[in-house]
Amino acid sequence: MRERSGSTPSRGAARVTESIHFPVAMSPNSRRSRAGYSMIELLIVVVTLAVLFAMVAPRVTTIRESSTLRAGRQQLASAFSAARAAALHKGRPSALIINGNEITVRVRSGLTNSNVRVYGPLRFDVSLGITLEQLGGAPDSVAYNARGMLSNDVGFDQPLRYRLTYGTKSDTLCVSAAGLILPKGCTL
């Protein structure tokens, strides 16, 4: 500190001083204690993130299972619709063939009555990880006549039911005697 120049202070008068601050180099130890976060602060952040992850992870799994199952159901419904549309379009019988988890749609075509693939093969286990099974005696080959109606030799008092399973969730697709996909619940 230095005294102000000018008049000299009288006896009993307060001294007026001004301080001049110069940046002082910090020692390495004092720098280390001031920069960054403490271990406690970092631990609090890590614990908070772990709790949030534990709350969110089950929901993400559930959402993933539901969306994968929904995609599988839509693909199976598309295959049935493709078989019906092929029969109507060509005016010839068509068939949806289920071989394990694989689906193919074929239609009779041409003068030689040859089968032409119009859809698939679609493998649910490879593309989506879904298992497909027939319920209640549903056939593994569904035939549509030239008018787009089911022509299988199964009783039509109940719809054809197919179950899709992914993880812990499952969904059922139902097909009416007319060959139409029924809404959830398998009722008209």
N, C-alpha and C. Protein backbone atom coordinates (compact mmCIF):
# COMPACT_ATOMS: atom_id res chain seq x y z
N MET A 1 0.85 -1.18 0.00
CA MET A 1 0.00 0.00 0.00
C MET A 1 0.89 1.23 0.00
N ARG A 2 0.38 2.24 -0.60
CA ARG A 2 1.16 3.47 -0.59
C ARG A 2 0.27 4.63 -0.19
N GLU A 3 0.89 5.60 0.34
CA GLU A 3 0.15 6.77 0.77
C GLU A 3 -0.13 7.66 -0.42
N ARG A 4 -1.23 8.38 -0.28
CA ARG A 4 -1.57 9.33 -1.31
C ARG A 4 -0.62 10.49 -1.25
N SER A 5 -0.19 10.86 -2.41
CA SER A 5 0.73 12.02 -2.41
C SER A 5 -0.08 13.30 -2.31
N GLY A 6 0.53 14.29 -1.96
CA GLY A 6 -0.14 15.57 -1.81
C GLY A 6 0.16 16.11 -0.43
N SER A 7 -0.87 16.46 0.28
CA SER A 7 -0.64 17.04 1.60
C SER A 7 -0.33 15.94 2.58
N THR A 8 0.39 16.28 3.53
CA THR A 8 0.75 15.34 4.58
C THR A 8 -0.35 15.36 5.61
N PRO A 9 -0.70 14.22 6.09
CA PRO A 9 -1.80 14.19 7.05
C PRO A 9 -1.40 14.85 8.36
N SER A 10 -2.36 15.48 8.90
CA SER A 10 -2.10 16.13 10.19
C SER A 10 -2.24 15.09 11.28
N ARG A 11 -1.79 15.50 12.40
CA ARG A 11 -1.81 14.63 13.53
C ARG A 11 -3.23 14.29 13.92
N GLY A 12 -3.65 13.09 13.99
CA GLY A 12 -5.01 12.72 14.36
C GLY A 12 -5.90 12.51 13.13
N ALA A 13 -5.48 12.96 12.00
CA ALA A 13 -6.29 12.77 10.78
C ALA A 13 -6.06 11.35 10.27
N ALA A 14 -7.08 10.84 9.65
CA ALA A 14 -6.98 9.46 9.16
C ALA A 14 -6.13 9.42 7.90
N ARG A 15 -5.39 8.42 7.80
CA ARG A 15 -4.54 8.23 6.62
C ARG A 15 -5.38 7.70 5.47
N VAL A 16 -5.25 8.29 4.32
CA VAL A 16 -5.96 7.82 3.13
C VAL A 16 -4.96 7.00 2.34
N THR A 17 -5.35 5.77 2.12
CA THR A 17 -4.45 4.91 1.35
C THR A 17 -5.26 4.23 0.25
N GLU A 18 -4.60 3.89 -0.80
CA GLU A 18 -5.25 3.10 -1.84
C GLU A 18 -4.40 1.86 -2.05
N SER A 19 -5.07 0.82 -2.34
CA SER A 19 -4.33 -0.42 -2.52
C SER A 19 -4.22 -0.72 -4.00
N ILE A 20 -3.10 -1.23 -4.34
CA ILE A 20 -2.87 -1.65 -5.72
C ILE A 20 -2.76 -3.16 -5.70
N HIS A 21 -3.63 -3.80 -6.53
CA HIS A 21 -3.66 -5.25 -6.59
C HIS A 21 -2.92 -5.72 -7.84
N PHE A 22 -2.00 -6.59 -7.62
CA PHE A 22 -1.29 -7.21 -8.73
C PHE A 22 -1.67 -8.69 -8.74
N PRO A 23 -1.85 -9.26 -9.95
CA PRO A 23 -2.14 -10.70 -9.96
C PRO A 23 -0.98 -11.46 -9.37
N VAL A 24 -1.34 -12.33 -8.49
CA VAL A 24 -0.33 -13.11 -7.81
C VAL A 24 -0.38 -14.52 -8.39
N ALA A 25 0.75 -15.04 -8.73
CA ALA A 25 0.80 -16.40 -9.26
C ALA A 25 0.35 -17.35 -8.17
N MET A 26 -0.57 -18.29 -8.56
CA MET A 26 -1.06 -19.25 -7.58
C MET A 26 -0.12 -20.43 -7.52
N SER A 27 0.01 -20.92 -6.36
CA SER A 27 0.85 -22.11 -6.22
C SER A 27 0.09 -23.31 -6.78
N PRO A 28 0.77 -24.37 -7.22
CA PRO A 28 0.09 -25.54 -7.77
C PRO A 28 -0.91 -26.16 -6.80
N ASN A 29 -0.65 -26.14 -5.54
CA ASN A 29 -1.57 -26.72 -4.56
C ASN A 29 -2.86 -25.93 -4.46
N SER A 30 -2.79 -24.60 -4.47
CA SER A 30 -4.01 -23.81 -4.37
C SER A 30 -4.82 -23.90 -5.65
N ARG A 31 -4.17 -24.05 -6.82
CA ARG A 31 -4.87 -24.21 -8.08
C ARG A 31 -5.66 -25.53 -8.09
N ARG A 32 -5.08 -26.56 -7.62
CA ARG A 32 -5.71 -27.86 -7.62
C ARG A 32 -6.96 -27.86 -6.74
N SER A 33 -6.94 -27.14 -5.67
CA SER A 33 -8.08 -27.15 -4.76
C SER A 33 -9.23 -26.29 -5.30
N ARG A 34 -8.99 -25.43 -6.25
CA ARG A 34 -10.04 -24.54 -6.74
C ARG A 34 -10.67 -25.03 -8.05
N ALA A 35 -9.96 -25.79 -8.86
CA ALA A 35 -10.48 -26.20 -10.17
C ALA A 35 -11.22 -27.53 -10.07
N GLY A 36 -12.29 -27.71 -10.91
CA GLY A 36 -12.97 -29.00 -10.99
C GLY A 36 -14.02 -29.19 -9.92
N TYR A 37 -14.42 -30.44 -9.76
CA TYR A 37 -15.45 -30.80 -8.81
C TYR A 37 -14.88 -31.71 -7.75
N SER A 38 -15.52 -31.68 -6.62
CA SER A 38 -15.06 -32.56 -5.55
C SER A 38 -15.56 -33.98 -5.79
N MET A 39 -14.99 -34.91 -5.12
CA MET A 39 -15.38 -36.31 -5.27
C MET A 39 -16.82 -36.52 -4.83
N ILE A 40 -17.26 -35.81 -3.83
CA ILE A 40 -18.64 -35.92 -3.35
C ILE A 40 -19.61 -35.44 -4.42
N GLU A 41 -19.31 -34.33 -5.07
CA GLU A 41 -20.18 -33.81 -6.13
C GLU A 41 -20.28 -34.81 -7.29
N LEU A 42 -19.16 -35.36 -7.68
CA LEU A 42 -19.17 -36.35 -8.76
C LEU A 42 -19.95 -37.60 -8.37
N LEU A 43 -19.81 -38.02 -7.14
CA LEU A 43 -20.53 -39.19 -6.65
C LEU A 43 -22.04 -38.95 -6.64
N ILE A 44 -22.47 -37.77 -6.26
CA ILE A 44 -23.89 -37.42 -6.27
C ILE A 44 -24.45 -37.48 -7.69
N VAL A 45 -23.70 -36.95 -8.66
CA VAL A 45 -24.14 -36.98 -10.06
C VAL A 45 -24.24 -38.41 -10.57
N VAL A 46 -23.25 -39.23 -10.28
CA VAL A 46 -23.26 -40.63 -10.74
C VAL A 46 -24.43 -41.39 -10.12
N VAL A 47 -24.68 -41.21 -8.85
CA VAL A 47 -25.78 -41.90 -8.18
C VAL A 47 -27.12 -41.43 -8.76
N THR A 48 -27.27 -40.15 -9.01
CA THR A 48 -28.50 -39.62 -9.60
C THR A 48 -28.74 -40.22 -10.97
N LEU A 49 -27.71 -40.29 -11.80
CA LEU A 49 -27.84 -40.89 -13.14
C LEU A 49 -28.18 -42.38 -13.04
N ALA A 50 -27.61 -43.08 -12.10
CA ALA A 50 -27.91 -44.50 -11.93
C ALA A 50 -29.36 -44.72 -11.53
N VAL A 51 -29.88 -43.88 -10.66
CA VAL A 51 -31.28 -43.99 -10.24
C VAL A 51 -32.21 -43.70 -11.43
N LEU A 52 -31.91 -42.67 -12.21
CA LEU A 52 -32.71 -42.36 -13.39
C LEU A 52 -32.68 -43.51 -14.40
N PHE A 53 -31.52 -44.08 -14.62
CA PHE A 53 -31.40 -45.19 -15.56
C PHE A 53 -32.21 -46.39 -15.08
N ALA A 54 -32.17 -46.66 -13.78
CA ALA A 54 -32.92 -47.79 -13.23
C ALA A 54 -34.42 -47.59 -13.38
N MET A 55 -34.88 -46.34 -13.37
CA MET A 55 -36.30 -46.06 -13.54
C MET A 55 -36.71 -46.13 -15.01
N VAL A 56 -35.85 -45.73 -15.93
CA VAL A 56 -36.19 -45.63 -17.35
C VAL A 56 -36.00 -46.95 -18.10
N ALA A 57 -35.02 -47.75 -17.73
CA ALA A 57 -34.68 -48.97 -18.47
C ALA A 57 -35.87 -49.94 -18.64
N PRO A 58 -36.65 -50.23 -17.62
CA PRO A 58 -37.79 -51.14 -17.83
C PRO A 58 -38.82 -50.59 -18.83
N ARG A 59 -39.03 -49.30 -18.81
CA ARG A 59 -39.99 -48.70 -19.75
C ARG A 59 -39.49 -48.81 -21.18
N VAL A 60 -38.22 -48.60 -21.38
CA VAL A 60 -37.65 -48.70 -22.73
C VAL A 60 -37.81 -50.12 -23.24
N THR A 61 -37.58 -51.10 -22.40
CA THR A 61 -37.74 -52.50 -22.79
C THR A 61 -39.19 -52.79 -23.15
N THR A 62 -40.12 -52.32 -22.37
CA THR A 62 -41.54 -52.53 -22.63
C THR A 62 -41.97 -51.86 -23.94
N ILE A 63 -41.51 -50.66 -24.16
CA ILE A 63 -41.85 -49.94 -25.38
C ILE A 63 -41.27 -50.66 -26.59
N ARG A 64 -40.06 -51.15 -26.47
CA ARG A 64 -39.42 -51.88 -27.58
C ARG A 64 -40.19 -53.16 -27.89
N GLU A 65 -40.56 -53.91 -26.86
CA GLU A 65 -41.32 -55.15 -27.08
C GLU A 65 -42.66 -54.85 -27.76
N SER A 66 -43.34 -53.83 -27.30
CA SER A 66 -44.65 -53.48 -27.86
C SER A 66 -44.54 -53.05 -29.32
N SER A 67 -43.56 -52.22 -29.63
CA SER A 67 -43.43 -51.75 -31.01
C SER A 67 -42.98 -52.86 -31.94
N THR A 68 -42.11 -53.77 -31.49
CA THR A 68 -41.69 -54.90 -32.32
C THR A 68 -42.87 -55.83 -32.58
N LEU A 69 -43.66 -56.07 -31.56
CA LEU A 69 -44.84 -56.92 -31.71
C LEU A 69 -45.86 -56.28 -32.65
N ARG A 70 -46.05 -54.98 -32.53
CA ARG A 70 -46.98 -54.27 -33.41
C ARG A 70 -46.51 -54.35 -34.87
N ALA A 71 -45.19 -54.21 -35.08
CA ALA A 71 -44.64 -54.31 -36.44
C ALA A 71 -44.85 -55.71 -37.00
N GLY A 72 -44.65 -56.74 -36.19
CA GLY A 72 -44.87 -58.11 -36.63
C GLY A 72 -46.33 -58.37 -36.98
N ARG A 73 -47.23 -57.85 -36.16
CA ARG A 73 -48.66 -58.02 -36.43
C ARG A 73 -49.03 -57.34 -37.74
N GLN A 74 -48.50 -56.15 -37.98
CA GLN A 74 -48.79 -55.45 -39.23
C GLN A 74 -48.23 -56.20 -40.44
N GLN A 75 -47.05 -56.80 -40.30
CA GLN A 75 -46.49 -57.56 -41.40
C GLN A 75 -47.30 -58.82 -41.68
N LEU A 76 -47.77 -59.48 -40.64
CA LEU A 76 -48.60 -60.67 -40.84
C LEU A 76 -49.93 -60.27 -41.49
N ALA A 77 -50.53 -59.19 -41.04
CA ALA A 77 -51.77 -58.70 -41.65
C ALA A 77 -51.53 -58.33 -43.11
N SER A 78 -50.38 -57.74 -43.41
CA SER A 78 -50.05 -57.40 -44.80
C SER A 78 -49.93 -58.64 -45.66
N ALA A 79 -49.38 -59.71 -45.11
CA ALA A 79 -49.25 -60.96 -45.86
C ALA A 79 -50.63 -61.53 -46.18
N PHE A 80 -51.53 -61.54 -45.21
CA PHE A 80 -52.89 -62.02 -45.47
C PHE A 80 -53.58 -61.13 -46.50
N SER A 81 -53.42 -59.83 -46.37
CA SER A 81 -54.03 -58.90 -47.34
C SER A 81 -53.44 -59.09 -48.73
N ALA A 82 -52.13 -59.35 -48.80
CA ALA A 82 -51.49 -59.58 -50.11
C ALA A 82 -52.03 -60.85 -50.75
N ALA A 83 -52.26 -61.89 -49.97
CA ALA A 83 -52.80 -63.14 -50.51
C ALA A 83 -54.21 -62.92 -51.05
N ARG A 84 -55.01 -62.20 -50.30
CA ARG A 84 -56.39 -61.93 -50.74
C ARG A 84 -56.40 -61.03 -51.96
N ALA A 85 -55.57 -59.99 -51.94
CA ALA A 85 -55.50 -59.06 -53.08
C ALA A 85 -54.99 -59.76 -54.34
N ALA A 86 -54.02 -60.67 -54.20
CA ALA A 86 -53.49 -61.39 -55.35
C ALA A 86 -54.58 -62.26 -55.97
N ALA A 87 -55.39 -62.92 -55.14
CA ALA A 87 -56.48 -63.76 -55.66
C ALA A 87 -57.50 -62.90 -56.39
N LEU A 88 -57.85 -61.77 -55.80
CA LEU A 88 -58.83 -60.89 -56.45
C LEU A 88 -58.27 -60.29 -57.73
N HIS A 89 -57.04 -59.86 -57.71
CA HIS A 89 -56.43 -59.19 -58.86
C HIS A 89 -56.26 -60.15 -60.04
N LYS A 90 -55.75 -61.34 -59.77
CA LYS A 90 -55.48 -62.31 -60.84
C LYS A 90 -56.72 -63.12 -61.21
N GLY A 91 -57.72 -63.13 -60.34
CA GLY A 91 -58.89 -63.96 -60.59
C GLY A 91 -58.55 -65.44 -60.49
N ARG A 92 -57.53 -65.75 -59.71
CA ARG A 92 -57.03 -67.12 -59.54
C ARG A 92 -56.83 -67.38 -58.06
N PRO A 93 -56.83 -68.65 -57.66
CA PRO A 93 -56.58 -68.97 -56.25
C PRO A 93 -55.17 -68.56 -55.81
N SER A 94 -55.07 -68.16 -54.56
CA SER A 94 -53.76 -67.84 -53.97
C SER A 94 -53.66 -68.54 -52.63
N ALA A 95 -52.45 -68.59 -52.10
CA ALA A 95 -52.24 -69.27 -50.81
C ALA A 95 -51.20 -68.52 -50.00
N LEU A 96 -51.46 -68.42 -48.72
CA LEU A 96 -50.49 -67.92 -47.76
C LEU A 96 -49.95 -69.16 -47.05
N ILE A 97 -48.65 -69.36 -47.14
CA ILE A 97 -48.04 -70.57 -46.59
C ILE A 97 -47.18 -70.19 -45.39
N ILE A 98 -47.46 -70.82 -44.25
CA ILE A 98 -46.69 -70.59 -43.04
C ILE A 98 -45.83 -71.83 -42.79
N ASN A 99 -44.54 -71.61 -42.78
CA ASN A 99 -43.60 -72.71 -42.53
C ASN A 99 -42.75 -72.31 -41.33
N GLY A 100 -43.18 -72.71 -40.15
CA GLY A 100 -42.49 -72.27 -38.92
C GLY A 100 -42.72 -70.79 -38.71
N ASN A 101 -41.65 -70.00 -38.80
CA ASN A 101 -41.75 -68.55 -38.64
C ASN A 101 -41.63 -67.82 -39.98
N GLU A 102 -41.76 -68.55 -41.07
CA GLU A 102 -41.60 -67.97 -42.41
C GLU A 102 -42.94 -67.96 -43.13
N ILE A 103 -43.21 -66.84 -43.81
CA ILE A 103 -44.47 -66.69 -44.54
C ILE A 103 -44.16 -66.37 -46.00
N THR A 104 -44.90 -67.04 -46.89
CA THR A 104 -44.79 -66.79 -48.33
C THR A 104 -46.20 -66.76 -48.90
N VAL A 105 -46.44 -65.89 -49.87
CA VAL A 105 -47.71 -65.83 -50.56
C VAL A 105 -47.47 -66.21 -52.02
N ARG A 106 -48.26 -67.16 -52.50
CA ARG A 106 -48.16 -67.61 -53.90
C ARG A 106 -49.54 -67.52 -54.54
N VAL A 107 -49.54 -67.27 -55.85
CA VAL A 107 -50.78 -67.23 -56.61
C VAL A 107 -50.60 -68.07 -57.87
N ARG A 108 -51.65 -68.75 -58.28
CA ARG A 108 -51.60 -69.51 -59.53
C ARG A 108 -51.70 -68.53 -60.68
N SER A 109 -50.87 -68.74 -61.66
CA SER A 109 -50.83 -67.78 -62.74
C SER A 109 -50.52 -68.48 -64.06
N GLY A 110 -50.93 -67.86 -65.14
CA GLY A 110 -50.57 -68.35 -66.47
C GLY A 110 -51.37 -69.55 -66.92
N LEU A 111 -51.11 -69.96 -68.13
CA LEU A 111 -51.82 -71.10 -68.72
C LEU A 111 -51.37 -72.42 -68.13
N THR A 112 -50.15 -72.46 -67.60
CA THR A 112 -49.61 -73.71 -67.06
C THR A 112 -50.01 -73.93 -65.62
N ASN A 113 -50.76 -73.00 -65.06
CA ASN A 113 -51.19 -73.10 -63.67
C ASN A 113 -50.01 -73.16 -62.70
N SER A 114 -48.94 -72.45 -63.00
CA SER A 114 -47.76 -72.45 -62.12
C SER A 114 -47.98 -71.49 -60.96
N ASN A 115 -47.33 -71.78 -59.83
CA ASN A 115 -47.41 -70.91 -58.66
C ASN A 115 -46.32 -69.85 -58.73
N VAL A 116 -46.72 -68.61 -58.56
CA VAL A 116 -45.79 -67.49 -58.59
C VAL A 116 -45.79 -66.84 -57.21
N ARG A 117 -44.59 -66.61 -56.69
CA ARG A 117 -44.48 -65.96 -55.37
C ARG A 117 -44.73 -64.47 -55.54
N VAL A 118 -45.65 -63.93 -54.74
CA VAL A 118 -45.96 -62.50 -54.80
C VAL A 118 -45.59 -61.77 -53.51
N TYR A 119 -45.26 -62.51 -52.48
CA TYR A 119 -44.92 -61.89 -51.19
C TYR A 119 -44.02 -62.85 -50.43
N GLY A 120 -42.95 -62.31 -49.88
CA GLY A 120 -42.08 -63.12 -49.04
C GLY A 120 -40.95 -63.74 -49.81
N PRO A 121 -40.21 -64.60 -49.19
CA PRO A 121 -40.45 -65.12 -47.84
C PRO A 121 -40.11 -64.09 -46.77
N LEU A 122 -40.94 -64.06 -45.79
CA LEU A 122 -40.76 -63.18 -44.64
C LEU A 122 -40.48 -64.05 -43.44
N ARG A 123 -39.30 -63.88 -42.83
CA ARG A 123 -38.93 -64.68 -41.65
C ARG A 123 -39.02 -63.80 -40.41
N PHE A 124 -40.04 -64.06 -39.61
CA PHE A 124 -40.27 -63.28 -38.40
C PHE A 124 -39.15 -63.45 -37.39
N ASP A 125 -38.62 -64.64 -37.27
CA ASP A 125 -37.58 -64.88 -36.27
C ASP A 125 -36.28 -64.16 -36.64
N VAL A 126 -36.00 -64.01 -37.92
CA VAL A 126 -34.76 -63.34 -38.35
C VAL A 126 -34.94 -61.83 -38.37
N SER A 127 -36.02 -61.36 -38.98
CA SER A 127 -36.19 -59.91 -39.14
C SER A 127 -36.59 -59.20 -37.85
N LEU A 128 -37.41 -59.84 -37.02
CA LEU A 128 -37.91 -59.16 -35.82
C LEU A 128 -37.67 -59.92 -34.52
N GLY A 129 -37.27 -61.18 -34.61
CA GLY A 129 -37.10 -61.98 -33.40
C GLY A 129 -38.42 -62.45 -32.83
N ILE A 130 -39.45 -62.55 -33.67
CA ILE A 130 -40.79 -62.92 -33.23
C ILE A 130 -41.04 -64.39 -33.54
N THR A 131 -41.78 -65.05 -32.64
CA THR A 131 -42.21 -66.42 -32.86
C THR A 131 -43.67 -66.40 -33.30
N LEU A 132 -43.97 -67.16 -34.35
CA LEU A 132 -45.33 -67.23 -34.89
C LEU A 132 -45.88 -68.64 -34.67
N GLU A 133 -47.11 -68.73 -34.15
CA GLU A 133 -47.73 -70.04 -33.96
C GLU A 133 -49.22 -69.97 -34.28
N GLN A 134 -49.74 -71.09 -34.76
CA GLN A 134 -51.16 -71.19 -35.05
C GLN A 134 -51.89 -71.62 -33.79
N LEU A 135 -53.06 -71.06 -33.58
CA LEU A 135 -53.87 -71.40 -32.41
C LEU A 135 -55.16 -72.08 -32.83
N GLY A 136 -55.64 -72.99 -32.02
CA GLY A 136 -56.94 -73.61 -32.23
C GLY A 136 -57.10 -74.31 -33.57
N GLY A 137 -56.07 -74.96 -34.02
CA GLY A 137 -56.18 -75.70 -35.28
C GLY A 137 -56.12 -74.86 -36.52
N ALA A 138 -55.64 -73.63 -36.41
CA ALA A 138 -55.50 -72.79 -37.60
C ALA A 138 -54.50 -73.44 -38.56
N PRO A 139 -54.80 -73.43 -39.84
CA PRO A 139 -53.94 -74.13 -40.80
C PRO A 139 -52.63 -73.40 -41.04
N ASP A 140 -51.64 -74.16 -41.53
CA ASP A 140 -50.37 -73.53 -41.89
C ASP A 140 -50.34 -73.11 -43.35
N SER A 141 -51.42 -73.38 -44.06
CA SER A 141 -51.57 -72.91 -45.44
C SER A 141 -53.00 -72.40 -45.58
N VAL A 142 -53.14 -71.12 -45.87
CA VAL A 142 -54.45 -70.50 -45.99
C VAL A 142 -54.69 -70.19 -47.46
N ALA A 143 -55.75 -70.77 -48.01
CA ALA A 143 -56.04 -70.60 -49.43
C ALA A 143 -57.20 -69.62 -49.63
N TYR A 144 -57.04 -68.74 -50.61
CA TYR A 144 -58.09 -67.81 -51.02
C TYR A 144 -58.55 -68.21 -52.41
N ASN A 145 -59.86 -68.21 -52.63
CA ASN A 145 -60.36 -68.52 -53.96
C ASN A 145 -60.30 -67.27 -54.84
N ALA A 146 -60.75 -67.37 -56.07
CA ALA A 146 -60.65 -66.26 -57.02
C ALA A 146 -61.49 -65.05 -56.60
N ARG A 147 -62.45 -65.24 -55.70
CA ARG A 147 -63.27 -64.13 -55.21
C ARG A 147 -62.70 -63.51 -53.93
N GLY A 148 -61.56 -64.02 -53.46
CA GLY A 148 -60.93 -63.47 -52.26
C GLY A 148 -61.47 -64.00 -50.96
N MET A 149 -62.22 -65.10 -51.02
CA MET A 149 -62.76 -65.71 -49.82
C MET A 149 -61.88 -66.88 -49.41
N LEU A 150 -61.83 -67.17 -48.11
CA LEU A 150 -61.07 -68.34 -47.66
C LEU A 150 -61.70 -69.61 -48.21
N SER A 151 -60.87 -70.51 -48.65
CA SER A 151 -61.41 -71.76 -49.19
C SER A 151 -60.82 -72.97 -48.48
N ASN A 152 -60.37 -72.78 -47.25
CA ASN A 152 -59.83 -73.89 -46.47
C ASN A 152 -60.95 -74.81 -45.99
N ASP A 153 -60.60 -76.02 -45.67
CA ASP A 153 -61.57 -76.99 -45.18
C ASP A 153 -61.61 -76.99 -43.66
N VAL A 154 -61.63 -75.83 -43.07
CA VAL A 154 -61.72 -75.74 -41.61
C VAL A 154 -63.08 -75.15 -41.27
N GLY A 155 -63.54 -75.44 -40.08
CA GLY A 155 -64.81 -74.89 -39.64
C GLY A 155 -64.72 -73.37 -39.52
N PHE A 156 -65.75 -72.69 -39.98
CA PHE A 156 -65.70 -71.23 -39.98
C PHE A 156 -66.55 -70.63 -38.86
N ASP A 157 -66.83 -71.44 -37.85
CA ASP A 157 -67.58 -70.90 -36.73
C ASP A 157 -66.69 -70.01 -35.87
N GLN A 158 -65.39 -70.20 -35.94
CA GLN A 158 -64.42 -69.37 -35.22
C GLN A 158 -63.41 -68.82 -36.22
N PRO A 159 -62.90 -67.63 -35.97
CA PRO A 159 -61.88 -67.10 -36.87
C PRO A 159 -60.56 -67.87 -36.73
N LEU A 160 -59.74 -67.80 -37.75
CA LEU A 160 -58.39 -68.37 -37.68
C LEU A 160 -57.56 -67.47 -36.79
N ARG A 161 -56.81 -68.08 -35.88
CA ARG A 161 -56.02 -67.29 -34.90
C ARG A 161 -54.55 -67.65 -35.02
N TYR A 162 -53.74 -66.60 -35.03
CA TYR A 162 -52.28 -66.75 -35.09
C TYR A 162 -51.67 -65.87 -34.01
N ARG A 163 -50.80 -66.48 -33.21
CA ARG A 163 -50.17 -65.76 -32.10
C ARG A 163 -48.74 -65.37 -32.47
N LEU A 164 -48.42 -64.11 -32.19
CA LEU A 164 -47.06 -63.58 -32.34
C LEU A 164 -46.51 -63.35 -30.94
N THR A 165 -45.30 -63.82 -30.68
CA THR A 165 -44.70 -63.66 -29.35
C THR A 165 -43.32 -63.05 -29.50
N TYR A 166 -43.07 -62.03 -28.67
CA TYR A 166 -41.76 -61.40 -28.61
C TYR A 166 -41.44 -61.09 -27.16
N GLY A 167 -40.39 -61.68 -26.64
CA GLY A 167 -40.03 -61.45 -25.24
C GLY A 167 -41.14 -61.95 -24.33
N THR A 168 -41.65 -61.07 -23.49
CA THR A 168 -42.71 -61.45 -22.55
C THR A 168 -44.10 -61.09 -23.07
N LYS A 169 -44.18 -60.48 -24.24
CA LYS A 169 -45.46 -60.02 -24.77
C LYS A 169 -45.91 -60.89 -25.93
N SER A 170 -47.22 -60.95 -26.13
CA SER A 170 -47.76 -61.66 -27.28
C SER A 170 -49.00 -60.94 -27.77
N ASP A 171 -49.32 -61.18 -29.04
CA ASP A 171 -50.49 -60.57 -29.67
C ASP A 171 -51.10 -61.61 -30.60
N THR A 172 -52.38 -61.50 -30.87
CA THR A 172 -53.07 -62.46 -31.71
C THR A 172 -53.67 -61.76 -32.91
N LEU A 173 -53.50 -62.36 -34.08
CA LEU A 173 -54.11 -61.87 -35.30
C LEU A 173 -55.19 -62.86 -35.69
N CYS A 174 -56.38 -62.36 -35.98
CA CYS A 174 -57.52 -63.21 -36.33
C CYS A 174 -57.98 -62.89 -37.74
N VAL A 175 -58.35 -63.95 -38.48
CA VAL A 175 -58.81 -63.82 -39.85
C VAL A 175 -60.20 -64.43 -39.92
N SER A 176 -61.16 -63.66 -40.46
CA SER A 176 -62.54 -64.13 -40.55
C SER A 176 -62.70 -65.11 -41.70
N ALA A 177 -63.89 -65.73 -41.76
CA ALA A 177 -64.19 -66.68 -42.84
C ALA A 177 -64.18 -65.99 -44.20
N ALA A 178 -64.42 -64.70 -44.20
CA ALA A 178 -64.39 -63.94 -45.45
C ALA A 178 -62.96 -63.60 -45.86
N GLY A 179 -61.99 -63.93 -45.00
CA GLY A 179 -60.60 -63.65 -45.32
C GLY A 179 -60.14 -62.28 -44.88
N LEU A 180 -60.91 -61.62 -44.07
CA LEU A 180 -60.58 -60.27 -43.60
C LEU A 180 -59.90 -60.33 -42.24
N ILE A 181 -59.00 -59.37 -42.00
CA ILE A 181 -58.31 -59.27 -40.71
C ILE A 181 -59.28 -58.63 -39.71
N LEU A 182 -59.48 -59.29 -38.59
CA LEU A 182 -60.37 -58.77 -37.56
C LEU A 182 -59.60 -57.84 -36.63
N PRO A 183 -60.30 -56.86 -36.06
CA PRO A 183 -59.63 -55.98 -35.09
C PRO A 183 -59.26 -56.75 -33.84
N LYS A 184 -58.50 -56.12 -32.97
CA LYS A 184 -58.10 -56.79 -31.72
C LYS A 184 -59.33 -57.25 -30.97
N GLY A 185 -59.21 -58.42 -30.38
CA GLY A 185 -60.34 -59.02 -29.69
C GLY A 185 -61.03 -60.06 -30.54
N CYS A 186 -60.67 -60.13 -31.83
CA CYS A 186 -61.17 -61.15 -32.77
C CYS A 186 -62.69 -61.15 -32.89
N THR A 187 -63.32 -59.98 -32.82
CA THR A 187 -64.76 -59.88 -33.02
C THR A 187 -65.04 -58.82 -34.07
N LEU A 188 -66.18 -58.96 -34.73
CA LEU A 188 -66.57 -57.98 -35.74
C LEU A 188 -67.18 -56.76 -35.15
